[in-house]
Protein backbone atom coordinates (compact mmCIF):
# COMPACT_ATOMS: atom_id res chain seq x y z
CA UNK A 1 15.99 42.08 83.71
CA UNK A 2 16.32 41.91 87.50
CA UNK A 3 13.81 40.25 89.83
CA UNK A 4 13.27 41.28 93.44
CA UNK A 5 11.44 38.84 95.69
CA UNK A 6 8.87 40.63 97.82
CA UNK A 7 6.86 37.81 99.31
CA UNK A 8 9.03 34.77 99.96
CA UNK A 9 7.24 34.21 103.24
CA UNK A 10 4.04 33.59 101.31
CA UNK A 11 5.47 30.43 99.80
CA UNK A 12 6.19 29.01 103.23
CA UNK A 13 2.70 29.99 104.34
CA UNK A 14 1.15 28.16 101.38
CA UNK A 15 3.12 25.04 102.14
CA UNK A 16 2.26 25.23 105.83
CA UNK A 17 -1.45 25.28 105.07
CA UNK A 18 -1.21 22.24 102.81
CA UNK A 19 -2.27 24.08 99.65
CA UNK A 20 -1.18 22.84 96.24
CA UNK A 21 0.59 26.06 95.30
CA UNK A 22 3.30 28.36 96.57
CA UNK A 23 2.67 32.09 95.91
CA UNK A 24 5.49 34.61 95.54
CA UNK A 25 5.69 38.21 94.38
CA UNK A 26 8.59 39.75 92.47
CA UNK A 27 9.39 43.13 90.96
CA UNK A 28 10.59 43.14 87.34
CA UNK A 29 11.50 45.84 84.86
CA UNK A 30 8.92 45.56 82.06
CA UNK A 31 8.65 47.99 79.14
CA UNK A 32 10.66 50.60 80.99
CA UNK A 33 8.93 50.52 84.38
CA UNK A 34 9.02 48.38 87.50
CA UNK A 35 6.01 46.09 87.87
CA UNK A 36 4.88 43.57 90.47
CA UNK A 37 4.59 39.98 89.23
CA UNK A 38 2.82 37.21 91.14
CA UNK A 39 4.08 33.66 90.66
CA UNK A 40 2.10 30.58 91.72
CA UNK A 41 4.20 27.41 91.68
CA UNK A 42 2.88 23.85 91.95
CA UNK A 43 3.91 22.21 95.22
CA UNK A 44 3.00 18.56 94.76
CA UNK A 45 4.14 17.77 91.20
CA UNK A 46 6.71 18.95 88.67
CA UNK A 47 5.50 21.94 86.67
CA UNK A 48 4.12 21.13 83.22
CA UNK A 49 5.11 24.60 82.03
CA UNK A 50 4.21 28.26 82.53
CA UNK A 51 1.05 30.24 81.88
CA UNK A 52 1.51 34.02 81.71
CA UNK A 53 -1.81 35.76 82.45
CA UNK A 54 -2.55 39.38 81.46
CA UNK A 55 -5.27 41.41 83.18
CA UNK A 56 -7.78 43.68 81.48
CA UNK A 57 -8.18 47.44 81.05
CA UNK A 58 -7.69 49.40 84.26
CA UNK A 59 -7.31 46.23 86.30
CA UNK A 60 -4.41 44.59 88.19
CA UNK A 61 -2.89 41.18 88.68
CA UNK A 62 -5.23 40.67 91.67
CA UNK A 63 -8.08 40.04 89.24
CA UNK A 64 -6.56 36.66 88.32
CA UNK A 65 -5.51 35.45 91.76
CA UNK A 66 -7.95 32.51 91.84
CA UNK A 67 -6.98 31.44 88.32
CA UNK A 68 -3.31 31.50 89.33
CA UNK A 69 -4.03 29.21 92.25
CA UNK A 70 -6.07 26.83 90.10
CA UNK A 71 -3.37 26.62 87.45
CA UNK A 72 -0.69 25.86 90.04
CA UNK A 73 -2.83 23.23 91.73
CA UNK A 74 -3.20 21.58 88.29
CA UNK A 75 0.57 21.53 87.78
CA UNK A 76 1.05 24.71 85.73
CA UNK A 77 3.20 27.57 87.05
CA UNK A 78 1.19 30.80 86.76
CA UNK A 79 2.99 34.13 86.21
CA UNK A 80 0.67 37.13 86.55
CA UNK A 81 2.13 40.64 86.10
CA UNK A 82 0.75 44.10 86.57
CA UNK A 83 0.87 45.68 83.12
CA UNK A 84 2.64 49.04 82.72
CA UNK A 85 0.06 51.03 80.76
CA UNK A 86 -3.66 51.66 81.05
CA UNK A 87 -4.10 52.75 77.43
CA UNK A 88 -1.02 51.67 75.45
CA UNK A 89 -1.75 48.05 74.58
CA UNK A 90 1.38 47.87 72.42
CA UNK A 91 3.51 48.77 75.45
CA UNK A 92 1.72 46.04 77.39
CA UNK A 93 2.43 43.64 74.55
CA UNK A 94 6.12 44.55 74.73
CA UNK A 95 6.06 44.01 78.49
CA UNK A 96 4.61 40.52 78.08
CA UNK A 97 7.14 39.67 75.38
CA UNK A 98 9.94 40.91 77.64
CA UNK A 99 8.57 38.84 80.51
CA UNK A 100 8.52 35.71 78.34
CA UNK A 101 12.08 36.33 77.17
CA UNK A 102 13.12 37.08 80.74
CA UNK A 103 11.81 33.71 81.91
CA UNK A 104 14.05 32.06 79.31
CA UNK A 105 17.03 33.83 80.91
CA UNK A 106 16.09 33.10 84.52
CA UNK A 107 14.73 36.56 85.43
CA UNK A 108 12.71 34.91 88.22
CA UNK A 109 14.77 32.80 90.62
CA UNK A 110 14.47 29.03 90.17
CA UNK A 111 12.26 29.49 87.12
CA UNK A 112 13.95 29.07 83.75
CA UNK A 113 11.62 27.93 80.99
CA UNK A 114 11.90 27.71 77.23
CA UNK A 115 9.08 29.48 75.41
CA UNK A 116 8.02 26.12 73.96
CA UNK A 117 6.68 25.50 77.46
CA UNK A 118 4.95 28.88 77.84
CA UNK A 119 1.30 29.69 77.18
CA UNK A 120 0.30 33.35 76.96
CA UNK A 121 -3.26 34.34 77.84
CA UNK A 122 -5.18 37.47 78.74
CA UNK A 123 -8.59 38.89 79.51
CA UNK A 124 -10.28 41.69 77.55
CA UNK A 125 -7.63 44.30 76.63
CA UNK A 126 -5.09 41.97 78.22
CA UNK A 127 -6.18 39.38 75.69
CA UNK A 128 -5.19 41.76 72.91
CA UNK A 129 -1.90 42.68 74.61
CA UNK A 130 -1.01 39.01 75.11
CA UNK A 131 -1.83 38.33 71.45
CA UNK A 132 0.42 41.20 70.32
CA UNK A 133 3.19 39.60 72.40
CA UNK A 134 2.50 36.07 71.17
CA UNK A 135 2.62 37.15 67.53
CA UNK A 136 6.22 38.31 67.99
CA UNK A 137 7.36 35.19 69.90
CA UNK A 138 7.71 32.22 67.55
CA UNK A 139 7.85 28.87 69.27
CA UNK A 140 5.29 29.46 72.04
CA UNK A 141 3.24 26.52 73.29
CA UNK A 142 0.08 28.51 72.63
CA UNK A 143 -2.19 31.48 73.25
CA UNK A 144 -5.59 31.66 74.98
CA UNK A 145 -7.87 34.66 74.48
CA UNK A 146 -10.23 35.21 77.41
CA UNK A 147 -13.03 37.29 75.90
CA UNK A 148 -10.43 39.47 74.15
CA UNK A 149 -11.40 42.84 72.70
CA UNK A 150 -10.32 44.34 69.38
CA UNK A 151 -11.37 47.94 68.84
CA UNK A 152 -9.12 48.78 65.89
CA UNK A 153 -8.58 45.48 64.07
CA UNK A 154 -5.01 45.21 65.34
CA UNK A 155 -5.95 42.01 67.15
CA UNK A 156 -7.15 40.30 63.99
CA UNK A 157 -4.00 41.45 62.20
CA UNK A 158 -1.80 40.02 64.97
CA UNK A 159 -3.86 36.82 65.05
CA UNK A 160 -3.17 36.24 61.38
CA UNK A 161 0.57 36.25 62.19
CA UNK A 162 0.35 33.90 65.16
CA UNK A 163 2.23 30.67 64.53
CA UNK A 164 1.21 28.99 67.80
CA UNK A 165 -1.97 27.00 68.40
CA UNK A 166 -4.72 29.09 69.95
CA UNK A 167 -8.07 28.90 71.73
CA UNK A 168 -10.53 31.77 72.17
CA UNK A 169 -13.22 31.87 74.85
CA UNK A 170 -16.09 34.32 74.47
CA UNK A 171 -18.80 35.77 76.71
CA UNK A 172 -22.23 36.97 75.67
CA UNK A 173 -22.13 40.19 73.59
CA UNK A 174 -21.93 43.42 75.58
CA UNK A 175 -20.46 46.89 75.38
CA UNK A 176 -17.54 45.74 77.53
CA UNK A 177 -16.40 43.14 75.02
CA UNK A 178 -17.34 45.43 72.11
CA UNK A 179 -20.17 43.08 71.16
CA UNK A 180 -17.93 40.00 71.20
CA UNK A 181 -15.26 41.63 69.08
CA UNK A 182 -12.97 38.74 69.98
CA UNK A 183 -14.77 36.63 67.40
CA UNK A 184 -12.89 38.49 64.66
CA UNK A 185 -9.66 37.52 66.37
CA UNK A 186 -10.74 33.88 66.52
CA UNK A 187 -11.64 33.84 62.83
CA UNK A 188 -8.24 35.24 61.86
CA UNK A 189 -6.17 32.63 63.72
CA UNK A 190 -4.43 30.23 61.32
CA UNK A 191 -3.94 27.55 64.00
CA UNK A 192 -7.12 27.86 66.06
CA UNK A 193 -8.00 24.73 67.99
CA UNK A 194 -11.45 25.90 68.98
CA UNK A 195 -13.67 28.82 69.93
CA UNK A 196 -15.57 28.36 73.18
CA UNK A 197 -18.82 30.34 73.53
CA UNK A 198 -19.67 30.38 77.23
CA UNK A 199 -23.45 30.57 77.47
CA UNK A 200 -24.83 33.19 79.87
CA UNK A 201 -21.32 34.36 80.85
CA UNK A 202 -20.59 38.06 81.23
CA UNK A 203 -17.32 39.83 80.52
CA UNK A 204 -16.70 39.89 84.28
CA UNK A 205 -16.79 36.10 84.52
CA UNK A 206 -13.35 35.97 82.89
CA UNK A 207 -11.86 37.76 85.90
CA UNK A 208 -11.19 35.44 88.81
CA UNK A 209 -12.10 36.99 91.19
CA UNK A 210 -14.09 39.90 89.79
CA UNK A 211 -15.52 42.77 91.83
CA UNK A 212 -18.55 45.03 92.12
CA UNK A 213 -17.07 47.68 89.84
CA UNK A 214 -16.93 45.24 86.92
CA UNK A 215 -20.44 43.98 87.70
CA UNK A 216 -21.78 47.53 87.70
CA UNK A 217 -20.17 48.39 84.36
CA UNK A 218 -20.22 45.10 82.46
CA UNK A 219 -23.05 43.04 83.94
CA UNK A 220 -23.56 40.38 86.55
CA UNK A 221 -21.20 37.55 87.36
CA UNK A 222 -21.79 34.17 88.94
CA UNK A 223 -19.63 31.76 90.90
CA UNK A 224 -20.79 28.93 88.63
CA UNK A 225 -19.77 30.69 85.42
CA UNK A 226 -16.38 31.69 86.80
CA UNK A 227 -15.75 28.14 88.01
CA UNK A 228 -16.67 26.68 84.61
CA UNK A 229 -14.42 29.17 82.82
CA UNK A 230 -11.57 28.53 85.26
CA UNK A 231 -11.81 24.78 84.61
CA UNK A 232 -11.82 25.33 80.85
CA UNK A 233 -8.77 27.61 81.04
CA UNK A 234 -6.80 25.13 83.13
CA UNK A 235 -7.71 22.22 80.85
CA UNK A 236 -6.78 24.22 77.75
CA UNK A 237 -3.47 25.39 79.19
CA UNK A 238 -2.51 21.81 80.00
CA UNK A 239 -3.51 20.69 76.49
CA UNK A 240 -1.39 23.37 74.85
CA UNK A 241 1.57 22.62 77.09
CA UNK A 242 1.31 18.93 76.23
CA UNK A 243 2.47 19.96 72.77
CA UNK A 244 -0.08 18.08 70.71
CA UNK A 245 0.18 18.66 66.96
CA UNK A 246 -3.47 17.92 66.42
CA UNK A 247 -6.58 19.65 67.68
CA UNK A 248 -8.05 17.76 70.65
């Protein structure tokens, strides 16, 4: 797997503005196609580990830009790829598994990390794709489902095979989350730390930032809900990376 740095100047810009993160963009070969991958590195403290974040159906890595910044400012390196397929969630799962394995081999310059220090997470269909990847990667620090969807039951089947600790966060029921279909995933997890029901949150609140298209299709979104979810994600990622053997 070969990485091409596209935005090295962005890291210098982040440092110049005194922000707590340094953003970079690379191109990696994932599941047979070249994809852009954003990396947000902590600037002011050693990284506690890596969080790989998968976007939802028909979306891009831009929909988790604010989460990437928040993770980096909290000391977690965020790696956010564009996924190769709109409809093939298994291909997206392979891409995320390849990305995780690539990080172990140094596919991104100056970023070599054992999977024991990697948390996989994803929103909506990206939640399912990240779960499919996590189930085939023993030794992960953990998995976080961000209102994941499971149309066929493949998510619950993968969840039952997941050896890592896991947390699932859920929005209010809607057509966009298949009436909170992620609950079946949560119930199948053998090492679930907790399920977080976010009151009054829509499916769009798990994007950070979201946009008007999501609001029109999936319901309204609020700054307060997204901020609360962002804080919960960052806290959970740090907990999983701490490697506790007991539920917090």
